[in-house]
PDB file of N, CA and C in Angstrom:
ATOM      1  N   LYS A   1     -78.118  28.066  21.988  1.00  0.00           N
ATOM      2  CA  LYS A   1     -77.012  28.966  22.916  1.00  0.00           C
ATOM      3  C   LYS A   1     -76.620  29.573  22.340  1.00  0.00           C
ATOM      4  N   SER A   2     -75.435  29.182  21.453  1.00  0.00           N
ATOM      5  CA  SER A   2     -74.555  29.814  20.714  1.00  0.00           C
ATOM      6  C   SER A   2     -75.255  30.781  20.122  1.00  0.00           C
ATOM      7  N   ILE A   3     -76.169  30.703  19.537  1.00  0.00           N
ATOM      8  CA  ILE A   3     -76.750  31.984  18.464  1.00  0.00           C
ATOM      9  C   ILE A   3     -77.087  33.453  19.354  1.00  0.00           C
ATOM     10  N   CYS A   4     -77.681  32.773  20.536  1.00  0.00           N
ATOM     11  CA  CYS A   4     -78.688  33.945  21.509  1.00  0.00           C
ATOM     12  C   CYS A   4     -77.428  34.463  21.986  1.00  0.00           C
ATOM     13  N   TRP A   5     -76.478  33.965  22.643  1.00  0.00           N
ATOM     14  CA  TRP A   5     -74.971  34.785  22.924  1.00  0.00           C
ATOM     15  C   TRP A   5     -74.140  35.143  21.999  1.00  0.00           C
ATOM     16  N   GLY A   6     -73.897  34.748  20.683  1.00  0.00           N
ATOM     17  CA  GLY A   6     -73.183  35.007  20.026  1.00  0.00           C
ATOM     18  C   GLY A   6     -73.668  36.210  18.625  1.00  0.00           C
ATOM     19  N   CYS A   7     -74.963  36.421  19.069  1.00  0.00           N
ATOM     20  CA  CYS A   7     -75.633  37.823  18.416  1.00  0.00           C
ATOM     21  C   CYS A   7     -75.781  38.918  19.492  1.00  0.00           C
ATOM     22  N   ARG A   8     -75.125  38.601  20.811  1.00  0.00           N
ATOM     23  CA  ARG A   8     -75.397  40.026  22.106  1.00  0.00           C
ATOM     24  C   ARG A   8     -75.292  41.132  21.447  1.00  0.00           C
ATOM     25  N   ASP A   9     -73.524  40.742  20.728  1.00  0.00           N
ATOM     26  CA  ASP A   9     -73.159  42.099  20.406  1.00  0.00           C
ATOM     27  C   ASP A   9     -73.749  42.996  19.302  1.00  0.00           C
ATOM     28  N   LEU A  10     -74.691  42.650  18.914  1.00  0.00           N
ATOM     29  CA  LEU A  10     -75.560  43.331  18.059  1.00  0.00           C
ATOM     30  C   LEU A  10     -76.621  44.032  18.282  1.00  0.00           C
ATOM     31  N   HIS A  11     -76.923  43.327  19.134  1.00  0.00           N
ATOM     32  CA  HIS A  11     -78.342  44.091  19.939  1.00  0.00           C
ATOM     33  C   HIS A  11     -78.578  45.353  20.319  1.00  0.00           C
ATOM     34  N   ALA A  12     -79.611  46.121  20.277  1.00  0.00           N
ATOM     35  CA  ALA A  12     -79.481  47.291  20.405  1.00  0.00           C
ATOM     36  C   ALA A  12     -79.534  47.337  21.880  1.00  0.00           C
ATOM     37  N   PRO A  13     -79.301  48.377  22.420  1.00  0.00           N
ATOM     38  CA  PRO A  13     -79.213  49.134  23.791  1.00  0.00           C
ATOM     39  C   PRO A  13     -80.667  48.593  24.495  1.00  0.00           C
ATOM     40  N   GLY A  14     -80.630  47.978  25.937  1.00  0.00           N
ATOM     41  CA  GLY A  14     -82.935  47.816  26.043  1.00  0.00           C
ATOM     42  C   GLY A  14     -82.830  46.453  25.720  1.00  0.00           C
ATOM     43  N   THR A  15     -81.808  45.992  24.702  1.00  0.00           N
ATOM     44  CA  THR A  15     -82.813  44.490  24.081  1.00  0.00           C
ATOM     45  C   THR A  15     -82.977  43.704  25.257  1.00  0.00           C
ATOM     46  N   PRO A  16     -84.012  42.767  25.448  1.00  0.00           N
ATOM     47  CA  PRO A  16     -83.841  41.589  26.160  1.00  0.00           C
ATOM     48  C   PRO A  16     -83.124  40.755  25.932  1.00  0.00           C
ATOM     49  N   ASP A  17     -82.583  40.105  26.961  1.00  0.00           N
ATOM     50  CA  ASP A  17     -81.951  38.958  26.934  1.00  0.00           C
ATOM     51  C   ASP A  17     -82.390  37.570  27.228  1.00  0.00           C
ATOM     52  N   TYR A  18     -83.039  36.841  25.880  1.00  0.00           N
ATOM     53  CA  TYR A  18     -83.830  36.007  25.785  1.00  0.00           C
ATOM     54  C   TYR A  18     -82.930  34.406  26.667  1.00  0.00           C
ATOM     55  N   TYR A  19     -81.638  34.779  26.759  1.00  0.00           N
ATOM     56  CA  TYR A  19     -81.136  33.457  27.299  1.00  0.00           C
ATOM     57  C   TYR A  19     -80.010  34.436  28.369  1.00  0.00           C
ATOM     58  N   PRO A  20     -80.679  34.341  29.240  1.00  0.00           N
ATOM     59  CA  PRO A  20     -79.264  34.942  30.103  1.00  0.00           C
ATOM     60  C   PRO A  20     -78.240  34.170  30.640  1.00  0.00           C
ATOM     61  N   THR A  21     -77.338  34.213  30.783  1.00  0.00           N
ATOM     62  CA  THR A  21     -76.025  33.530  31.424  1.00  0.00           C
ATOM     63  C   THR A  21     -76.514  33.030  32.944  1.00  0.00           C
ATOM     64  N   ASP A  22     -76.957  34.010  33.575  1.00  0.00           N
ATOM     65  CA  ASP A  22     -77.203  33.439  35.064  1.00  0.00           C
ATOM     66  C   ASP A  22     -77.999  32.280  35.321  1.00  0.00           C
ATOM     67  N   LYS A  23     -79.256  32.244  34.089  1.00  0.00           N
ATOM     68  CA  LYS A  23     -80.197  31.117  34.361  1.00  0.00           C
ATOM     69  C   LYS A  23     -80.022  30.454  33.365  1.00  0.00           C
ATOM     70  N   ALA A  24     -78.772  30.507  32.551  1.00  0.00           N
ATOM     71  CA  ALA A  24     -78.519  29.330  31.447  1.00  0.00           C
ATOM     72  C   ALA A  24     -78.530  27.589  32.375  1.00  0.00           C
ATOM     73  N   SER A  25     -78.022  27.452  33.124  1.00  0.00           N
ATOM     74  CA  SER A  25     -78.198  26.110  34.028  1.00  0.00           C
ATOM     75  C   SER A  25     -79.888  25.744  34.118  1.00  0.00           C
ATOM     76  N   VAL A  26     -80.508  26.675  33.726  1.00  0.00           N
ATOM     77  CA  VAL A  26     -82.301  26.505  34.417  1.00  0.00           C
ATOM     78  C   VAL A  26     -82.964  25.963  33.374  1.00  0.00           C
ATOM     79  N   VAL A  27     -82.523  27.026  32.209  1.00  0.00           N
ATOM     80  CA  VAL A  27     -82.476  26.711  30.809  1.00  0.00           C
ATOM     81  C   VAL A  27     -82.171  25.226  30.478  1.00  0.00           C
ATOM     82  N   GLU A  28     -81.041  25.049  30.397  1.00  0.00           N
ATOM     83  CA  GLU A  28     -80.436  23.539  29.896  1.00  0.00           C
ATOM     84  C   GLU A  28     -80.865  22.759  30.858  1.00  0.00           C
ATOM     85  N   GLU A  29     -81.624  22.779  32.509  1.00  0.00           N
ATOM     86  CA  GLU A  29     -82.236  21.930  33.055  1.00  0.00           C
ATOM     87  C   GLU A  29     -83.616  21.081  32.352  1.00  0.00           C
ATOM     88  N   TRP A  30     -84.232  22.495  31.939  1.00  0.00           N
ATOM     89  CA  TRP A  30     -85.434  22.546  31.391  1.00  0.00           C
ATOM     90  C   TRP A  30     -85.391  21.572  30.353  1.00  0.00           C
ATOM     91  N   ILE A  31     -84.739  22.129  29.044  1.00  0.00           N
ATOM     92  CA  ILE A  31     -84.391  21.368  28.255  1.00  0.00           C
ATOM     93  C   ILE A  31     -83.881  19.391  28.235  1.00  0.00           C
ATOM     94  N   GLN A  32     -83.511  19.334  28.929  1.00  0.00           N
ATOM     95  CA  GLN A  32     -82.737  18.287  29.397  1.00  0.00           C
ATOM     96  C   GLN A  32     -84.290  17.278  29.932  1.00  0.00           C
ATOM     97  N   ARG A  33     -85.096  17.986  30.844  1.00  0.00           N
ATOM     98  CA  ARG A  33     -86.446  17.078  31.360  1.00  0.00           C
ATOM     99  C   ARG A  33     -87.374  17.187  30.277  1.00  0.00           C
ATOM    100  N   LEU A  34     -87.261  17.711  29.578  1.00  0.00           N
ATOM    101  CA  LEU A  34     -88.127  18.100  28.369  1.00  0.00           C
ATOM    102  C   LEU A  34     -88.364  17.072  27.136  1.00  0.00           C
ATOM    103  N   TYR A  35     -86.660  17.048  26.972  1.00  0.00           N
ATOM    104  CA  TYR A  35     -86.607  16.886  25.559  1.00  0.00           C
ATOM    105  C   TYR A  35     -87.118  15.185  25.202  1.00  0.00           C
ATOM    106  N   GLU A  36     -86.406  14.103  25.680  1.00  0.00           N
ATOM    107  CA  GLU A  36     -87.300  13.064  25.590  1.00  0.00           C
ATOM    108  C   GLU A  36     -89.116  13.003  25.108  1.00  0.00           C
ATOM    109  N   PRO A  37     -89.691  13.264  26.936  1.00  0.00           N
ATOM    110  CA  PRO A  37     -90.985  12.974  26.820  1.00  0.00           C
ATOM    111  C   PRO A  37     -91.842  13.847  25.989  1.00  0.00           C
ATOM    112  N   LEU A  38     -90.932  14.970  25.826  1.00  0.00           N
ATOM    113  CA  LEU A  38     -91.740  16.337  24.954  1.00  0.00           C
ATOM    114  C   LEU A  38     -91.723  16.583  23.642  1.00  0.00           C
ATOM    115  N   LEU A  39     -90.427  17.503  23.972  1.00  0.00           N
ATOM    116  CA  LEU A  39     -89.648  18.002  22.572  1.00  0.00           C
ATOM    117  C   LEU A  39     -89.327  16.712  21.376  1.00  0.00           C
ATOM    118  N   HIS A  40     -89.158  15.716  21.751  1.00  0.00           N
ATOM    119  CA  HIS A  40     -89.030  14.416  20.790  1.00  0.00           C
ATOM    120  C   HIS A  40     -89.978  13.237  21.202  1.00  0.00           C
ATOM    121  N   GLY A  41     -90.718  13.526  22.190  1.00  0.00           N
ATOM    122  CA  GLY A  41     -91.932  12.713  22.020  1.00  0.00           C
ATOM    123  C   GLY A  41     -93.143  13.196  21.367  1.00  0.00           C
ATOM    124  N   VAL A  42     -93.207  14.065  20.547  1.00  0.00           N
ATOM    125  CA  VAL A  42     -94.055  13.799  19.995  1.00  0.00           C
ATOM    126  C   VAL A  42     -93.779  13.291  18.400  1.00  0.00           C
ATOM    127  N   TYR A  43     -92.927  13.085  17.970  1.00  0.00           N
ATOM    128  CA  TYR A  43     -92.166  12.307  16.925  1.00  0.00           C
ATOM    129  C   TYR A  43     -92.526  11.104  17.184  1.00  0.00           C
ATOM    130  N   LYS A  44     -91.813  10.472  18.288  1.00  0.00           N
ATOM    131  CA  LYS A  44     -91.818   8.934  19.318  1.00  0.00           C
ATOM    132  C   LYS A  44     -93.764   8.710  18.586  1.00  0.00           C
ATOM    133  N   ALA A  45     -94.309   9.372  19.277  1.00  0.00           N
ATOM    134  CA  ALA A  45     -95.709   9.173  19.213  1.00  0.00           C
ATOM    135  C   ALA A  45     -96.096   9.073  17.704  1.00  0.00           C
ATOM    136  N   GLY A  46     -95.936  10.031  17.203  1.00  0.00           N
ATOM    137  CA  GLY A  46     -96.470  10.000  15.736  1.00  0.00           C
ATOM    138  C   GLY A  46     -95.640   9.025  14.819  1.00  0.00           C
ATOM    139  N   PHE A  47     -94.406   8.731  15.229  1.00  0.00           N
ATOM    140  CA  PHE A  47     -94.281   7.973  13.654  1.00  0.00           C
ATOM    141  C   PHE A  47     -93.745   6.538  14.985  1.00  0.00           C
ATOM    142  N   THR A  48     -94.439   5.668  15.920  1.00  0.00           N
ATOM    143  CA  THR A  48     -94.059   4.339  15.850  1.00  0.00           C
ATOM    144  C   THR A  48     -94.552   3.652  15.385  1.00  0.00           C
ATOM    145  N   ASN A  49     -93.878   2.576  15.108  1.00  0.00           N
ATOM    146  CA  ASN A  49     -94.900   1.529  14.729  1.00  0.00           C
ATOM    147  C   ASN A  49     -95.473  -0.190  15.347  1.00  0.00           C
ATOM    148  N   SER A  50     -95.776   0.583  16.750  1.00  0.00           N
ATOM    149  CA  SER A  50     -96.589  -0.159  17.814  1.00  0.00           C
ATOM    150  C   SER A  50     -97.423   0.622  18.208  1.00  0.00           C
ATOM    151  N   GLN A  51     -98.629  -0.241  19.085  1.00  0.00           N
ATOM    152  CA  GLN A  51     -99.548   0.686  19.804  1.00  0.00           C
ATOM    153  C   GLN A  51     -98.565   0.945  21.473  1.00  0.00           C
ATOM    154  N   GLU A  52     -97.555  -0.397  21.760  1.00  0.00           N
ATOM    155  CA  GLU A  52     -97.580  -0.110  22.817  1.00  0.00           C
ATOM    156  C   GLU A  52     -95.964   0.808  23.169  1.00  0.00           C
ATOM    157  N   ASP A  53     -95.687   1.238  22.205  1.00  0.00           N
ATOM    158  CA  ASP A  53     -94.696   2.548  21.734  1.00  0.00           C
ATOM    159  C   ASP A  53     -95.290   3.509  21.628  1.00  0.00           C
ATOM    160  N   TYR A  54     -96.482   3.463  20.809  1.00  0.00           N
ATOM    161  CA  TYR A  54     -97.541   4.722  20.800  1.00  0.00           C
ATOM    162  C   TYR A  54     -98.234   5.005  22.620  1.00  0.00           C
ATOM    163  N   ASP A  55     -98.500   3.812  23.244  1.00  0.00           N
ATOM    164  CA  ASP A  55     -99.216   4.511  24.516  1.00  0.00           C
ATOM    165  C   ASP A  55     -98.164   5.081  25.697  1.00  0.00           C
ATOM    166  N   ARG A  56     -96.932   4.285  25.134  1.00  0.00           N
ATOM    167  CA  ARG A  56     -95.976   4.876  26.092  1.00  0.00           C
ATOM    168  C   ARG A  56     -95.316   6.247  26.109  1.00  0.00           C
ATOM    169  N   ALA A  57     -95.349   6.936  24.233  1.00  0.00           N
ATOM    170  CA  ALA A  57     -94.855   7.695  23.944  1.00  0.00           C
ATOM    171  C   ALA A  57     -96.038   8.851  24.496  1.00  0.00           C
ATOM    172  N   ILE A  58     -97.091   8.694  24.629  1.00  0.00           N
ATOM    173  CA  ILE A  58     -98.102   9.379  24.977  1.00  0.00           C
ATOM    174  C   ILE A  58     -98.385   9.766  26.444  1.00  0.00           C
ATOM    175  N   HIS A  59     -98.191   8.590  27.173  1.00  0.00           N
ATOM    176  CA  HIS A  59     -98.825   8.506  28.540  1.00  0.00           C
ATOM    177  C   HIS A  59     -96.972   9.382  29.130  1.00  0.00           C
ATOM    178  N   ASP A  60     -95.609   9.357  28.382  1.00  0.00           N
ATOM    179  CA  ASP A  60     -94.696  10.238  28.995  1.00  0.00           C
ATOM    180  C   ASP A  60     -94.829  11.832  28.441  1.00  0.00           C
ATOM    181  N   MET A  61     -95.686  11.881  27.177  1.00  0.00           N
ATOM    182  CA  MET A  61     -96.179  13.298  26.665  1.00  0.00           C
ATOM    183  C   MET A  61     -96.711  14.145  27.796  1.00  0.00           C
ATOM    184  N   PHE A  62     -98.139  12.997  28.226  1.00  0.00           N
ATOM    185  CA  PHE A  62     -98.806  14.320  28.989  1.00  0.00           C
ATOM    186  C   PHE A  62     -98.260  14.061  30.799  1.00  0.00           C
ATOM    187  N   GLN A  63     -97.339  13.075  31.101  1.00  0.00           N
ATOM    188  CA  GLN A  63     -96.549  13.914  32.227  1.00  0.00           C
ATOM    189  C   GLN A  63     -95.863  14.480  32.226  1.00  0.00           C
ATOM    190  N   ALA A  64     -95.470  15.160  31.090  1.00  0.00           N
ATOM    191  CA  ALA A  64     -94.819  16.357  31.038  1.00  0.00           C
ATOM    192  C   ALA A  64     -95.612  17.455  30.703  1.00  0.00           C
ATOM    193  N   LEU A  65     -96.582  17.605  30.046  1.00  0.00           N
ATOM    194  CA  LEU A  65     -97.523  18.813  29.766  1.00  0.00           C
ATOM    195  C   LEU A  65     -97.914  18.720  31.190  1.00  0.00           C
ATOM    196  N   ASP A  66     -98.376  17.675  32.102  1.00  0.00           N
ATOM    197  CA  ASP A  66     -98.683  18.080  33.117  1.00  0.00           C
ATOM    198  C   ASP A  66     -97.754  18.650  34.259  1.00  0.00           C
ATOM    199  N   GLU A  67     -96.809  18.417  33.884  1.00  0.00           N
ATOM    200  CA  GLU A  67     -95.315  19.128  34.458  1.00  0.00           C
ATOM    201  C   GLU A  67     -95.564  20.676  33.882  1.00  0.00           C
ATOM    202  N   LEU A  68     -95.516  21.095  32.579  1.00  0.00           N
ATOM    203  CA  LEU A  68     -95.436  22.051  32.236  1.00  0.00           C
ATOM    204  C   LEU A  68     -96.515  23.484  32.983  1.00  0.00           C
ATOM    205  N   ASP A  69     -98.068  22.421  32.745  1.00  0.00           N
ATOM    206  CA  ASP A  69     -98.985  23.039  33.264  1.00  0.00           C
ATOM    207  C   ASP A  69     -99.036  23.542  34.438  1.00  0.00           C
ATOM    208  N   GLU A  70     -98.441  22.584  35.772  1.00  0.00           N
ATOM    209  CA  GLU A  70     -98.043  22.765  37.082  1.00  0.00           C
ATOM    210  C   GLU A  70     -97.236  24.250  37.235  1.00  0.00           C
ATOM    211  N   HIS A  71     -96.087  23.999  36.694  1.00  0.00           N
ATOM    212  CA  HIS A  71     -94.846  25.242  36.710  1.00  0.00           C
ATOM    213  C   HIS A  71     -95.820  26.421  36.046  1.00  0.00           C
ATOM    214  N   LEU A  72     -96.163  26.513  34.862  1.00  0.00           N
ATOM    215  CA  LEU A  72     -96.840  27.734  34.483  1.00  0.00           C
ATOM    216  C   LEU A  72     -98.306  28.165  35.000  1.00  0.00           C
ATOM    217  N   GLY A  73     -98.878  27.149  35.805  1.00  0.00           N
ATOM    218  CA  GLY A  73     -99.739  27.503  36.700  1.00  0.00           C
ATOM    219  C   GLY A  73     -99.610  28.602  37.782  1.00  0.00           C
ATOM    220  N   LYS A  74     -98.122  28.740  38.134  1.00  0.00           N
ATOM    221  CA  LYS A  74     -97.367  29.547  39.498  1.00  0.00           C
ATOM    222  C   LYS A  74     -96.606  30.829  38.935  1.00  0.00           C
ATOM    223  N   ASN A  75     -95.988  30.547  36.934  1.00  0.00           N
ATOM    224  CA  ASN A  75     -95.314  31.438  36.992  1.00  0.00           C
ATOM    225  C   ASN A  75     -95.856  31.703  35.040  1.00  0.00           C
ATOM    226  N   LYS A  76     -95.367  33.013  34.969  1.00  0.00           N
ATOM    227  CA  LYS A  76     -95.803  33.651  33.716  1.00  0.00           C
ATOM    228  C   LYS A  76     -95.485  33.283  32.590  1.00  0.00           C
ATOM    229  N   TRP A  77     -93.846  33.073  32.921  1.00  0.00           N
ATOM    230  CA  TRP A  77     -92.988  32.350  32.071  1.00  0.00           C
ATOM    231  C   TRP A  77     -92.048  31.265  32.540  1.00  0.00           C
ATOM    232  N   MET A  78     -91.535  30.286  31.170  1.00  0.00           N
ATOM    233  CA  MET A  78     -90.727  29.250  32.071  1.00  0.00           C
ATOM    234  C   MET A  78     -89.560  29.699  33.153  1.00  0.00           C
ATOM    235  N   LEU A  79     -89.203  30.688  32.510  1.00  0.00           N
ATOM    236  CA  LEU A  79     -88.256  31.633  33.937  1.00  0.00           C
ATOM    237  C   LEU A  79     -88.904  32.275  34.953  1.00  0.00           C
ATOM    238  N   GLY A  80     -89.898  32.192  34.924  1.00  0.00           N
ATOM    239  CA  GLY A  80     -90.470  33.267  36.110  1.00  0.00           C
ATOM    240  C   GLY A  80     -91.028  34.382  35.681  1.00  0.00           C
ATOM    241  N   ASP A  81     -90.155  35.427  35.593  1.00  0.00           N
ATOM    242  CA  ASP A  81     -91.395  36.735  35.252  1.00  0.00           C
ATOM    243  C   ASP A  81     -90.411  37.309  33.797  1.00  0.00           C
ATOM    244  N   GLN A  82     -89.576  36.624  33.072  1.00  0.00           N
ATOM    245  CA  GLN A  82     -88.916  36.847  31.675  1.00  0.00           C
ATOM    246  C   GLN A  82     -88.897  35.916  30.887  1.00  0.00           C
ATOM    247  N   LEU A  83     -89.598  36.392  29.444  1.00  0.00           N
ATOM    248  CA  LEU A  83     -89.594  35.764  28.302  1.00  0.00           C
ATOM    249  C   LEU A  83     -88.451  35.252  28.030  1.00  0.00           C
ATOM    250  N   SER A  84     -88.199  33.760  27.790  1.00  0.00           N
ATOM    251  CA  SER A  84     -86.929  33.338  27.479  1.00  0.00           C
ATOM    252  C   SER A  84     -87.266  32.246  25.759  1.00  0.00           C
ATOM    253  N   VAL A  85     -85.675  32.310  25.599  1.00  0.00           N
ATOM    254  CA  VAL A  85     -85.784  30.833  24.809  1.00  0.00           C
ATOM    255  C   VAL A  85     -86.591  29.605  25.029  1.00  0.00           C
ATOM    256  N   LEU A  86     -86.146  29.563  26.278  1.00  0.00           N
ATOM    257  CA  LEU A  86     -87.103  28.198  26.753  1.00  0.00           C
ATOM    258  C   LEU A  86     -88.800  28.077  26.202  1.00  0.00           C
ATOM    259  N   ASP A  87     -89.188  29.507  26.607  1.00  0.00           N
ATOM    260  CA  ASP A  87     -90.523  29.785  26.140  1.00  0.00           C
ATOM    261  C   ASP A  87     -90.696  29.361  24.545  1.00  0.00           C
ATOM    262  N   VAL A  88     -89.838  29.730  23.534  1.00  0.00           N
ATOM    263  CA  VAL A  88     -90.148  29.595  22.148  1.00  0.00           C
ATOM    264  C   VAL A  88     -90.233  28.172  21.369  1.00  0.00           C
ATOM    265  N   ILE A  89     -89.193  27.719  22.727  1.00  0.00           N
ATOM    266  CA  ILE A  89     -89.306  26.002  22.366  1.00  0.00           C
ATOM    267  C   ILE A  89     -89.833  25.157  22.964  1.00  0.00           C
ATOM    268  N   VAL A  90     -90.539  25.609  23.353  1.00  0.00           N
ATOM    269  CA  VAL A  90     -91.687  25.104  24.344  1.00  0.00           C
ATOM    270  C   VAL A  90     -92.936  25.013  23.582  1.00  0.00           C
ATOM    271  N   GLY A  91     -92.942  26.612  22.993  1.00  0.00           N
ATOM    272  CA  GLY A  91     -94.019  27.048  22.203  1.00  0.00           C
ATOM    273  C   GLY A  91     -94.272  26.517  21.414  1.00  0.00           C
ATOM    274  N   VAL A  92     -93.197  26.607  20.407  1.00  0.00           N
ATOM    275  CA  VAL A  92     -93.244  26.146  19.120  1.00  0.00           C
ATOM    276  C   VAL A  92     -93.484  24.439  18.858  1.00  0.00           C
ATOM    277  N   THR A  93     -92.823  23.730  20.247  1.00  0.00           N
ATOM    278  CA  THR A  93     -93.594  22.053  20.536  1.00  0.00           C
ATOM    279  C   THR A  93     -95.098  22.147  20.205  1.00  0.00           C
ATOM    280  N   LEU A  94     -95.670  22.741  21.066  1.00  0.00           N
ATOM    281  CA  LEU A  94     -96.902  23.029  21.223  1.00  0.00           C
ATOM    282  C   LEU A  94     -97.729  23.179  20.578  1.00  0.00           C
ATOM    283  N   SER A  95     -97.252  23.730  19.588  1.00  0.00           N
ATOM    284  CA  SER A  95     -97.963  24.756  18.646  1.00  0.00           C
ATOM    285  C   SER A  95     -98.247  23.535  17.345  1.00  0.00           C
ATOM    286  N   ARG A  96     -97.488  22.566  17.674  1.00  0.00           N
ATOM    287  CA  ARG A  96     -97.763  21.666  16.607  1.00  0.00           C
ATOM    288  C   ARG A  96     -98.919  20.556  17.121  1.00  0.00           C
TER     289      ARG A  96
END
């Protein structure tokens, strides 16, 4: 957030705002909702020491993926009609 907002003065006129202040609470809500099961969940599943922990992490991760699938089935981007830092965060995680 601080990088996106701190560099705004350097943007050329008309540059898209990938972390819009009017939607910051929505971005933060999604990050909170996805952090444990998905953003951190891929590591929990990959580096677990027990089958039980692995099964739990995979279950939580697939629930988060189902939520993303449902949301993105109705929206072009995570914030609806505009590409945002949230799409980058989710996209990088999914590409691993």
